[in-house]
Amino acid sequence: MNVQHLESLYDTVEKAVGVKVRERIPDSVIAEADQIVNVDVSSEDLRQRLREGKVYTPERIEVALEHFFKASNLEQLRELTLRELASQIDLRRREAYEEEDSGLPDQVMVCLSSRGPNSERLLRYASRLAGRLNRNWYAVYVRTPSESPAVIDSETQRIISETLTLAKQLGAIVFTYNGDDVVQTLLQFAREYRVGHVVIGGQRTKSVWARLFRRAGVVECLLSAAKGITVTVLDTHEQERPRPTAPRPEQSPEYAPGESVAIGHHDHSAGLTLPGLLSADRIVLFHEPVSKMAVLTRLTETAGPYVGKLGSRGLLDAVLERETHGSTFLNEGVAFPHAKTPEVARSLVAVGLTRQGISDGPGGRPIETVFLIVSPPSDPNEQVRILALTSRAAQSRQLREHLRLCETPDEVMKAFAEWKAEE
């Protein structure tokens, strides 16, 4: 693939070469690659290949040379590719020699709204930031009562759905919360998930009445209340100007500068493995349609013997209390219910596999896998690291297919062990 076809680089490529790339692939495709190989050629050599008719038919050569394949554009793409390749090498090196976490909040969160302009730019910026920092990132949408599905129009619902889908494609862990106070809900999430970097779009120009009565917007309130968190405010209201379209993939040269890309959605979960956090007696297979409550009850029962005096009932109450702040049952086929308790000396995970989905789950893709995470409060970073680990497992197509074939808890344990060995 050419570097300009990576989803997270859309805005960067448009700014660099003045082209809107219509055909793009999700970052997750690159994230699952075993190796990233750079196929490089100088701009002069590529333009010579074009002149010799080795790329396009004769009638298209001059147009290609004068537009997308200008020397300045090719140099920009080549430079972008080399930077991405260097970043990829650095990320893999850091994963191989993982340093201990500093304990400081350092995850990345992007704040989404129902009709925010250019949410795609916010998501791509957060994706690149998380990649540079080698951290997890979260896309959080707070649904206020005025934005409930029964109130908002179908066009707004479509925009929200498309925005959250793009966030998943870019590698974010997506959360939708219900809340009256958007800022407090965002800050509560930031505290729980160890967020150190927040990305949000700049607010629209205030109305005369808002300025008259000095009403503070979400951005102003967040900047005022986000103590100890770096907040990046992007101007997403600028008008988009018409741009020429890049060549379709089938029209691209067989060699083009920029054929390697980097992915930056990695986590600091070194030392933690799913086989180490799991055991066969904490794996449950549900062969019939099952409710959310039944899944949580059964999984907390399997973890009950490991949580001391809290017991399965107390653990269930803790998980349900956490769910009141925002469901961890996502519309992308996975759920991450979790709780913290001093009754456990070390973190543990229980897994539920539903063969026919959860009957009262969210719309969208049926939930197939539920990861119950229980961790001690003494290490606030550990729950986030486990969330990253389980999220990465949930995003592996190969592992998901393997789990669908498992018939016993022992086979599930083996599937996770093989996935770990292949990572």
Protein backbone atom coordinates (compact mmCIF):
# COMPACT_ATOMS: atom_id res chain seq x y z
CA MET A 1 0.00 0.00 0.00
CA ASN A 2 1.03 3.63 -0.39
CA VAL A 3 1.47 5.70 2.71
CA GLN A 4 -1.29 8.16 1.73
CA HIS A 5 -3.97 5.45 2.00
CA LEU A 6 -3.65 5.02 5.79
CA GLU A 7 -6.73 6.43 7.54
CA SER A 8 -4.91 8.21 10.38
CA LEU A 9 -2.74 10.14 7.90
CA TYR A 10 -5.63 11.64 5.93
CA ASP A 11 -5.28 15.16 7.36
CA THR A 12 -1.48 15.05 7.29
CA VAL A 13 -1.41 14.04 3.62
CA GLU A 14 -4.00 16.66 2.66
CA LYS A 15 -1.99 19.38 4.36
CA ALA A 16 1.31 18.18 2.89
CA VAL A 17 0.37 17.62 -0.76
CA GLY A 18 -3.04 19.30 -1.11
CA VAL A 19 -4.89 16.11 -2.00
CA LYS A 20 -7.96 14.45 -0.48
CA VAL A 21 -7.34 10.70 -0.53
CA ARG A 22 -10.70 8.99 -1.03
CA GLU A 23 -9.56 5.37 -0.71
CA ARG A 24 -8.28 4.63 2.80
CA ILE A 25 -7.86 1.56 5.02
CA PRO A 26 -8.29 1.32 8.82
CA ASP A 27 -5.14 1.47 10.92
CA SER A 28 -6.06 -1.91 12.39
CA VAL A 29 -5.00 -3.59 9.14
CA ILE A 30 -1.45 -2.36 9.63
CA ALA A 31 -1.55 -3.00 13.39
CA GLU A 32 -1.93 -6.73 12.77
CA ALA A 33 1.03 -6.94 10.38
CA ASP A 34 3.99 -9.05 11.47
CA GLN A 35 6.43 -6.87 9.56
CA ILE A 36 6.35 -3.42 7.95
CA VAL A 37 8.68 -3.18 4.94
CA ASN A 38 9.59 0.08 3.24
CA VAL A 39 9.80 -0.11 -0.57
CA ASP A 40 11.58 3.13 -1.38
CA VAL A 41 12.47 4.82 -4.67
CA SER A 42 13.68 8.36 -5.32
CA SER A 43 11.32 10.91 -6.77
CA GLU A 44 13.51 11.26 -9.87
CA ASP A 45 13.45 7.52 -10.53
CA LEU A 46 9.68 7.33 -10.12
CA ARG A 47 9.06 10.25 -12.47
CA GLN A 48 11.39 8.62 -15.00
CA ARG A 49 9.40 5.39 -14.77
CA LEU A 50 6.27 7.42 -15.49
CA ARG A 51 7.86 9.04 -18.57
CA GLU A 52 8.89 5.62 -19.88
CA GLY A 53 5.31 4.37 -19.68
CA LYS A 54 6.02 1.78 -16.96
CA VAL A 55 3.22 3.04 -14.71
CA TYR A 56 0.43 4.63 -16.76
CA THR A 57 -0.76 4.54 -20.34
CA PRO A 58 0.73 7.28 -22.60
CA GLU A 59 -2.32 9.58 -22.54
CA ARG A 60 -2.21 9.83 -18.76
CA ILE A 61 1.51 10.41 -18.24
CA GLU A 62 1.67 14.22 -18.58
CA VAL A 63 -1.38 14.77 -16.38
CA ALA A 64 0.10 12.54 -13.66
CA LEU A 65 3.49 14.30 -13.80
CA GLU A 66 1.92 17.75 -13.53
CA HIS A 67 -0.44 16.95 -10.66
CA PHE A 68 -0.14 14.25 -8.00
CA PHE A 69 3.32 13.08 -9.09
CA LYS A 70 4.98 16.46 -8.88
CA ALA A 71 8.47 16.25 -7.42
CA SER A 72 7.46 18.33 -4.38
CA ASN A 73 4.53 16.01 -3.58
CA LEU A 74 6.66 12.89 -3.91
CA GLU A 75 9.33 14.33 -1.63
CA GLN A 76 6.70 15.14 0.99
CA LEU A 77 5.31 11.60 0.87
CA ARG A 78 8.77 10.08 0.97
CA GLU A 79 9.71 12.12 4.02
CA LEU A 80 6.43 11.17 5.70
CA THR A 81 7.13 7.49 5.05
CA LEU A 82 10.64 7.61 6.48
CA ARG A 83 9.37 9.35 9.61
CA GLU A 84 6.62 6.76 10.02
CA LEU A 85 9.06 3.89 9.55
CA ALA A 86 11.42 5.36 12.15
CA SER A 87 8.49 5.73 14.55
CA GLN A 88 7.45 2.12 13.98
CA ILE A 89 10.97 0.84 14.69
CA ASP A 90 11.16 2.93 17.85
CA LEU A 91 7.77 1.67 19.08
CA ARG A 92 8.73 -1.96 18.59
CA ARG A 93 12.05 -1.39 20.31
CA ARG A 94 10.32 0.15 23.32
CA GLU A 95 7.87 -2.75 23.47
CA ALA A 96 10.74 -5.22 23.50
CA TYR A 97 12.52 -3.37 26.34
CA GLU A 98 9.58 -2.00 28.27
CA GLU A 99 10.39 0.37 31.07
CA GLU A 100 8.36 0.55 34.25
CA ASP A 101 5.42 2.93 34.22
CA SER A 102 6.07 6.25 35.88
CA GLY A 103 2.71 6.13 37.63
CA LEU A 104 1.68 9.43 36.06
CA PRO A 105 -1.54 9.67 34.04
CA ASP A 106 -0.48 9.36 30.41
CA GLN A 107 -3.30 7.83 28.38
CA VAL A 108 -4.98 9.84 25.60
CA MET A 109 -8.67 10.72 25.39
CA VAL A 110 -10.52 12.46 22.57
CA CYS A 111 -13.85 14.10 23.40
CA LEU A 112 -16.63 13.69 20.85
CA SER A 113 -19.93 15.51 20.47
CA SER A 114 -23.09 14.73 18.52
CA ARG A 115 -22.70 17.48 15.92
CA GLY A 116 -19.11 18.54 16.39
CA PRO A 117 -17.60 19.83 13.14
CA ASN A 118 -14.79 17.77 11.59
CA SER A 119 -14.71 15.06 14.26
CA GLU A 120 -12.58 13.05 11.84
CA ARG A 121 -9.73 15.51 12.31
CA LEU A 122 -9.98 15.18 16.09
CA LEU A 123 -9.80 11.39 15.86
CA ARG A 124 -6.86 11.34 13.49
CA TYR A 125 -4.94 13.82 15.63
CA ALA A 126 -5.56 11.74 18.77
CA SER A 127 -4.54 8.59 16.90
CA ARG A 128 -1.22 10.10 15.89
CA LEU A 129 -0.64 11.55 19.37
CA ALA A 130 -1.24 8.16 20.99
CA GLY A 131 1.12 6.60 18.48
CA ARG A 132 3.88 9.10 19.23
CA LEU A 133 3.46 8.60 22.98
CA ASN A 134 3.06 4.81 22.63
CA ARG A 135 -0.08 4.93 24.76
CA ASN A 136 -3.67 3.72 24.66
CA TRP A 137 -6.34 6.14 23.56
CA TYR A 138 -10.05 6.44 24.17
CA ALA A 139 -12.85 8.10 22.22
CA VAL A 140 -15.52 9.28 24.67
CA TYR A 141 -18.97 10.55 23.77
CA VAL A 142 -21.17 11.89 26.58
CA ARG A 143 -24.85 11.66 25.69
CA THR A 144 -26.89 14.27 27.56
CA PRO A 145 -30.68 13.89 28.02
CA SER A 146 -31.23 16.30 25.12
CA GLU A 147 -29.28 13.90 22.87
CA SER A 148 -31.05 10.66 23.72
CA PRO A 149 -31.95 8.49 20.69
CA ALA A 150 -35.63 9.30 21.25
CA VAL A 151 -34.96 13.04 20.91
CA ILE A 152 -32.29 13.61 18.27
CA ASP A 153 -33.03 13.34 14.57
CA SER A 154 -31.92 10.48 12.32
CA GLU A 155 -29.20 12.57 10.64
CA THR A 156 -27.53 13.30 13.98
CA GLN A 157 -27.74 9.62 14.92
CA ARG A 158 -26.06 8.74 11.63
CA ILE A 159 -23.25 11.24 12.27
CA ILE A 160 -22.63 9.84 15.76
CA SER A 161 -22.58 6.27 14.45
CA GLU A 162 -20.12 7.10 11.66
CA THR A 163 -17.85 9.01 14.04
CA LEU A 164 -17.71 6.14 16.54
CA THR A 165 -17.09 3.66 13.73
CA LEU A 166 -14.13 5.70 12.49
CA ALA A 167 -12.77 5.87 16.05
CA LYS A 168 -12.80 2.06 16.23
CA GLN A 169 -11.11 1.79 12.84
CA LEU A 170 -8.34 4.08 14.04
CA GLY A 171 -7.75 1.88 17.07
CA ALA A 172 -9.55 3.77 19.85
CA ILE A 173 -11.38 2.10 22.69
CA VAL A 174 -14.81 3.71 22.38
CA PHE A 175 -17.04 4.61 25.31
CA THR A 176 -20.50 6.18 25.31
CA TYR A 177 -21.67 7.64 28.60
CA ASN A 178 -24.97 9.09 29.76
CA GLY A 179 -24.65 12.21 31.85
CA ASP A 180 -26.12 15.63 32.60
CA ASP A 181 -22.74 17.28 33.19
CA VAL A 182 -20.46 16.67 30.20
CA VAL A 183 -17.31 18.08 31.81
CA GLN A 184 -17.64 16.16 35.07
CA THR A 185 -18.35 12.94 33.19
CA LEU A 186 -15.24 13.44 31.05
CA LEU A 187 -13.08 14.22 34.08
CA GLN A 188 -14.41 11.21 35.96
CA PHE A 189 -13.45 9.03 33.01
CA ALA A 190 -10.01 10.69 32.85
CA ARG A 191 -9.35 9.93 36.51
CA GLU A 192 -10.47 6.31 36.25
CA TYR A 193 -8.53 5.55 33.09
CA ARG A 194 -5.38 7.48 33.94
CA VAL A 195 -5.78 10.01 31.14
CA GLY A 196 -3.02 12.59 30.89
CA HIS A 197 -3.81 14.06 27.47
CA VAL A 198 -7.23 15.28 26.35
CA VAL A 199 -8.03 16.30 22.78
CA ILE A 200 -11.16 18.36 22.15
CA GLY A 201 -12.50 20.53 19.35
CA GLY A 202 -12.77 24.27 19.81
CA GLN A 203 -16.25 25.52 20.55
CA ARG A 204 -18.26 27.57 18.11
CA THR A 205 -18.45 31.34 18.38
CA LYS A 206 -20.73 32.16 21.26
CA SER A 207 -24.08 33.73 20.70
CA VAL A 208 -24.74 37.28 21.84
CA TRP A 209 -26.79 35.99 24.79
CA ALA A 210 -24.06 33.56 25.87
CA ARG A 211 -21.47 36.36 25.80
CA LEU A 212 -23.84 38.73 27.56
CA PHE A 213 -24.48 36.33 30.44
CA ARG A 214 -20.90 35.02 30.39
CA ARG A 215 -21.90 31.42 30.00
CA ALA A 216 -18.85 29.19 29.90
CA GLY A 217 -18.81 26.46 27.27
CA VAL A 218 -17.61 22.87 27.63
CA VAL A 219 -14.08 23.73 26.48
CA GLU A 220 -13.70 26.61 28.93
CA CYS A 221 -15.05 24.52 31.82
CA LEU A 222 -12.77 21.62 30.92
CA LEU A 223 -9.70 23.86 30.76
CA SER A 224 -10.60 25.30 34.14
CA ALA A 225 -11.27 21.98 35.88
CA ALA A 226 -8.71 19.66 34.25
CA LYS A 227 -5.97 19.99 36.84
CA GLY A 228 -2.82 18.06 35.97
CA ILE A 229 -4.11 17.10 32.49
CA THR A 230 -2.77 18.43 29.20
CA VAL A 231 -5.70 19.67 27.11
CA THR A 232 -5.23 20.20 23.37
CA VAL A 233 -7.93 22.30 21.70
CA LEU A 234 -8.07 21.90 17.92
CA ASP A 235 -9.71 24.41 15.61
CA THR A 236 -12.14 22.14 13.74
CA HIS A 237 -14.36 24.90 12.36
CA GLU A 238 -12.19 25.92 9.44
CA GLN A 239 -13.91 25.49 6.09
CA GLU A 240 -12.65 22.70 3.91
CA ARG A 241 -11.53 23.82 0.47
CA PRO A 242 -12.06 21.66 -2.61
CA ARG A 243 -9.02 19.56 -3.37
CA PRO A 244 -8.04 17.27 -6.25
CA THR A 245 -8.48 13.59 -5.59
CA ALA A 246 -5.52 11.22 -5.37
CA PRO A 247 -5.30 8.37 -7.90
CA ARG A 248 -7.31 5.26 -7.08
CA PRO A 249 -5.24 2.36 -5.66
CA GLU A 250 -5.43 0.44 -8.94
CA GLN A 251 -3.98 3.51 -10.69
CA SER A 252 -1.07 3.90 -8.29
CA PRO A 253 2.46 3.16 -9.52
CA GLU A 254 3.90 -0.25 -8.74
CA TYR A 255 6.67 1.60 -6.90
CA ALA A 256 5.90 4.80 -5.08
CA PRO A 257 7.70 6.64 -2.32
CA GLY A 258 5.95 5.96 0.92
CA GLU A 259 5.03 2.30 0.94
CA SER A 260 5.52 1.75 4.62
CA VAL A 261 3.39 3.07 7.43
CA ALA A 262 3.56 2.97 11.18
CA ILE A 263 0.92 2.26 13.74
CA GLY A 264 1.09 3.74 17.21
CA HIS A 265 -1.71 2.19 19.25
CA HIS A 266 0.40 0.14 21.60
CA ASP A 267 0.17 -0.35 25.33
CA HIS A 268 2.38 -0.69 28.34
CA SER A 269 1.19 -4.14 29.41
CA ALA A 270 4.62 -5.76 29.63
CA GLY A 271 4.68 -8.42 32.33
CA LEU A 272 0.93 -8.96 32.12
CA THR A 273 -0.46 -11.76 29.97
CA LEU A 274 -3.96 -13.12 29.56
CA PRO A 275 -2.87 -16.71 30.36
CA GLY A 276 -1.27 -15.34 33.54
CA LEU A 277 -4.36 -13.37 34.55
CA LEU A 278 -6.80 -16.15 33.64
CA SER A 279 -7.51 -19.68 34.78
CA ALA A 280 -9.80 -22.32 33.30
CA ASP A 281 -12.20 -22.10 36.24
CA ARG A 282 -12.83 -18.42 35.40
CA ILE A 283 -13.91 -19.10 31.81
CA VAL A 284 -17.60 -19.56 31.03
CA LEU A 285 -19.18 -20.52 27.70
CA PHE A 286 -22.80 -19.47 27.19
CA HIS A 287 -24.45 -21.55 24.46
CA GLU A 288 -27.91 -19.96 24.68
CA PRO A 289 -28.91 -16.28 24.44
CA VAL A 290 -28.10 -14.69 27.79
CA SER A 291 -28.78 -11.38 29.52
CA LYS A 292 -26.16 -8.89 30.63
CA MET A 293 -27.07 -9.50 34.29
CA ALA A 294 -26.76 -13.28 33.90
CA VAL A 295 -23.29 -12.93 32.38
CA LEU A 296 -22.07 -10.60 35.13
CA THR A 297 -23.54 -12.82 37.84
CA ARG A 298 -21.90 -15.95 36.48
CA LEU A 299 -18.51 -14.32 35.94
CA THR A 300 -18.43 -12.75 39.40
CA GLU A 301 -19.32 -16.17 40.83
CA THR A 302 -16.23 -17.66 39.18
CA ALA A 303 -14.10 -14.84 40.62
CA GLY A 304 -15.74 -14.99 44.06
CA PRO A 305 -13.22 -17.42 45.62
CA TYR A 306 -10.38 -15.06 44.70
CA VAL A 307 -11.72 -11.82 46.22
CA GLY A 308 -11.63 -12.67 49.92
CA LYS A 309 -14.34 -11.30 52.20
CA LEU A 310 -15.89 -9.31 49.37
CA GLY A 311 -17.25 -12.52 47.83
CA SER A 312 -19.10 -12.91 44.57
CA ARG A 313 -22.09 -10.86 45.75
CA GLY A 314 -19.94 -7.93 46.81
CA LEU A 315 -17.96 -8.12 43.60
CA LEU A 316 -21.15 -8.10 41.54
CA ASP A 317 -22.36 -5.02 43.42
CA ALA A 318 -19.05 -3.27 42.72
CA VAL A 319 -19.24 -4.10 39.01
CA LEU A 320 -22.87 -2.98 38.77
CA GLU A 321 -22.07 0.27 40.59
CA ARG A 322 -19.33 0.93 38.04
CA GLU A 323 -21.78 0.21 35.20
CA THR A 324 -24.10 2.99 36.44
CA HIS A 325 -21.46 5.53 35.38
CA GLY A 326 -21.47 4.26 31.80
CA SER A 327 -21.83 0.84 30.27
CA THR A 328 -18.67 -1.06 29.42
CA PHE A 329 -20.71 -3.28 27.07
CA LEU A 330 -19.71 -1.77 23.75
CA ASN A 331 -21.44 -2.06 20.39
CA GLU A 332 -18.35 -3.63 18.83
CA GLY A 333 -18.75 -7.20 20.05
CA VAL A 334 -16.91 -6.97 23.37
CA ALA A 335 -17.44 -5.86 26.98
CA PHE A 336 -14.93 -4.84 29.68
CA PRO A 337 -16.76 -4.75 33.05
CA HIS A 338 -14.32 -4.06 35.87
CA ALA A 339 -13.95 -3.27 39.55
CA LYS A 340 -11.22 -2.48 42.05
CA THR A 341 -11.02 -4.04 45.50
CA PRO A 342 -8.29 -4.28 48.17
CA GLU A 343 -9.41 -7.88 48.70
CA VAL A 344 -7.22 -9.04 45.81
CA ALA A 345 -3.44 -8.98 46.04
CA ARG A 346 -3.00 -9.28 42.29
CA SER A 347 -5.24 -8.60 39.32
CA LEU A 348 -7.33 -11.32 37.70
CA VAL A 349 -9.55 -11.73 34.67
CA ALA A 350 -12.63 -13.85 34.04
CA VAL A 351 -13.91 -14.43 30.50
CA GLY A 352 -17.38 -15.16 29.18
CA LEU A 353 -17.93 -16.31 25.59
CA THR A 354 -21.48 -15.93 24.31
CA ARG A 355 -22.36 -18.08 21.31
CA GLN A 356 -25.63 -16.28 20.57
CA GLY A 357 -24.90 -12.83 21.95
CA ILE A 358 -26.36 -10.86 24.85
CA SER A 359 -30.10 -10.39 24.59
CA ASP A 360 -30.17 -6.93 26.16
CA GLY A 361 -26.84 -5.68 24.84
CA PRO A 362 -26.34 -2.51 22.79
CA GLY A 363 -27.27 -2.38 19.15
CA GLY A 364 -24.70 -3.13 16.50
CA ARG A 365 -22.39 -6.11 16.50
CA PRO A 366 -23.47 -8.85 18.98
CA ILE A 367 -21.28 -9.11 22.05
CA GLU A 368 -19.25 -12.32 21.84
CA THR A 369 -16.60 -11.80 24.52
CA VAL A 370 -16.86 -10.37 28.03
CA PHE A 371 -13.65 -9.65 29.97
CA LEU A 372 -14.30 -9.15 33.70
CA ILE A 373 -11.28 -7.33 35.18
CA VAL A 374 -10.67 -7.23 38.93
CA SER A 375 -7.65 -5.33 40.23
CA PRO A 376 -6.30 -3.89 43.50
CA PRO A 377 -6.48 -0.10 43.99
CA SER A 378 -2.83 0.01 45.09
CA ASP A 379 -1.63 0.21 41.47
CA PRO A 380 -3.92 2.61 39.58
CA ASN A 381 -2.12 1.92 36.29
CA GLU A 382 -2.60 -1.83 36.29
CA GLN A 383 -6.30 -1.80 35.41
CA VAL A 384 -5.58 0.43 32.43
CA ARG A 385 -2.78 -1.88 31.27
CA ILE A 386 -5.06 -4.90 31.50
CA LEU A 387 -7.78 -3.03 29.61
CA ALA A 388 -5.25 -2.39 26.83
CA LEU A 389 -4.22 -6.04 26.81
CA THR A 390 -7.78 -7.35 26.60
CA SER A 391 -8.69 -4.72 24.02
CA ARG A 392 -5.81 -5.85 21.83
CA ALA A 393 -6.97 -9.43 22.18
CA ALA A 394 -10.52 -8.45 21.21
CA GLN A 395 -9.22 -6.73 18.06
CA SER A 396 -7.32 -9.80 16.82
CA ARG A 397 -9.37 -11.42 14.05
CA GLN A 398 -7.33 -14.62 14.27
CA LEU A 399 -7.93 -14.96 18.01
CA ARG A 400 -11.66 -14.24 17.65
CA GLU A 401 -11.99 -16.98 15.02
CA HIS A 402 -10.06 -19.39 17.25
CA LEU A 403 -12.27 -18.65 20.26
CA ARG A 404 -15.41 -19.34 18.23
CA LEU A 405 -14.18 -22.91 17.71
CA CYS A 406 -13.41 -23.57 21.39
CA GLU A 407 -15.76 -25.93 23.21
CA THR A 408 -14.17 -26.10 26.68
CA PRO A 409 -12.40 -23.67 29.07
CA ASP A 410 -9.14 -25.57 28.56
CA GLU A 411 -9.36 -24.96 24.81
CA VAL A 412 -9.96 -21.26 25.48
CA MET A 413 -6.86 -21.12 27.69
CA LYS A 414 -4.87 -22.77 24.91
CA ALA A 415 -6.17 -20.25 22.37
CA PHE A 416 -5.03 -17.32 24.53
CA ALA A 417 -1.64 -18.97 25.09
CA GLU A 418 -1.11 -19.45 21.35
CA TRP A 419 -2.16 -15.87 20.68
CA LYS A 420 0.37 -14.62 23.25
CA ALA A 421 3.13 -16.72 21.68
CA GLU A 422 2.39 -15.33 18.23
CA GLU A 423 2.25 -11.66 19.27
